[in-house]
Protein backbone atom coordinates (compact mmCIF):
# COMPACT_ATOMS: atom_id res chain seq x y z
CA MET A 1 46.15 -104.60 -13.24
CA ASN A 2 42.80 -103.93 -14.44
CA THR A 3 41.00 -100.79 -16.10
CA LYS A 4 39.54 -98.83 -12.99
CA THR A 5 43.12 -99.82 -10.91
CA ILE A 6 44.66 -97.35 -13.75
CA LEU A 7 42.23 -94.73 -14.12
CA TYR A 8 42.40 -94.03 -10.36
CA ILE A 9 46.66 -94.06 -10.20
CA PHE A 10 45.56 -91.22 -12.63
CA VAL A 11 42.74 -89.13 -11.53
CA VAL A 12 43.66 -88.89 -7.81
CA PRO A 13 46.92 -86.86 -8.05
CA ILE A 14 45.28 -84.66 -11.10
CA VAL A 15 41.45 -84.60 -8.05
CA LEU A 16 44.45 -83.69 -5.78
CA TRP A 17 46.16 -80.79 -7.96
CA ALA A 18 42.72 -79.41 -8.63
CA LEU A 19 41.81 -79.16 -5.09
CA GLU A 20 44.79 -77.46 -4.70
CA SER A 21 43.12 -74.35 -5.86
CA LEU A 22 40.34 -74.40 -3.29
CA ASN A 23 40.56 -72.29 0.17
CA ILE A 24 38.01 -74.68 1.77
CA ASP A 25 40.29 -73.65 5.21
CA ARG A 26 37.45 -70.23 5.47
CA PHE A 27 34.70 -72.93 5.61
CA PHE A 28 35.93 -74.30 8.74
CA LYS A 29 36.81 -73.17 11.97
CA LYS A 30 39.86 -72.09 13.06
CA GLY A 31 42.27 -74.67 14.62
CA ARG A 32 40.54 -77.81 12.96
CA VAL A 33 43.60 -78.98 10.98
CA ALA A 34 42.95 -82.78 11.40
CA GLN A 35 38.80 -82.32 10.23
CA ILE A 36 39.86 -80.03 7.53
CA ARG A 37 42.68 -83.00 6.20
CA LEU A 38 40.21 -85.91 6.44
CA PHE A 39 37.46 -83.62 4.79
CA TYR A 40 39.95 -83.03 2.00
CA LEU A 41 40.39 -86.61 2.11
CA ILE A 42 37.43 -87.68 1.64
CA LEU A 43 36.63 -84.83 -1.00
CA CYS A 44 39.33 -86.28 -2.74
CA PHE A 45 38.24 -89.74 -3.01
CA GLY A 46 35.03 -89.43 -3.97
CA LEU A 47 35.47 -87.39 -6.49
CA SER A 48 38.51 -89.81 -7.81
CA TYR A 49 35.80 -92.48 -7.33
CA LEU A 50 32.71 -90.58 -9.30
CA ILE A 51 35.18 -89.37 -11.98
CA THR A 52 36.71 -92.76 -12.81
CA ASN A 53 33.60 -94.65 -12.77
CA PHE A 54 32.19 -91.94 -15.36
CA PHE A 55 35.43 -93.03 -17.36
CA TYR A 56 35.16 -96.28 -17.31
CA ASP A 57 31.48 -96.27 -17.56
CA PHE A 58 31.94 -94.41 -20.98
CA PHE A 59 34.54 -96.18 -22.06
CA LEU A 60 32.02 -99.83 -21.85
CA SER A 61 29.03 -97.62 -23.32
CA THR A 62 31.49 -96.72 -25.97
CA GLN A 63 32.79 -100.41 -26.56
CA ILE A 64 29.26 -101.86 -26.88
CA VAL A 65 28.29 -99.30 -29.23
CA SER A 66 30.86 -100.20 -31.70
CA LEU A 67 30.58 -104.05 -31.25
CA SER A 68 26.81 -103.72 -32.11
CA GLY A 69 27.93 -102.11 -35.39
CA LEU A 70 25.58 -98.89 -34.44
């Protein structure tokens, strides 16, 4: 497994756990359960993508800095 896959495995549950604290139901019309769930999943995967890429890029940039001797 590569590093990004491992990061995704750890980040997705954390984002799901954090999103559970939000009450996003009040922003949607009543009775739109399927659309709320779809939005919730899209939001979860979008945030997971951004967080994973941030940590991965940060890790790579710190490796480059440490290898260059700065």
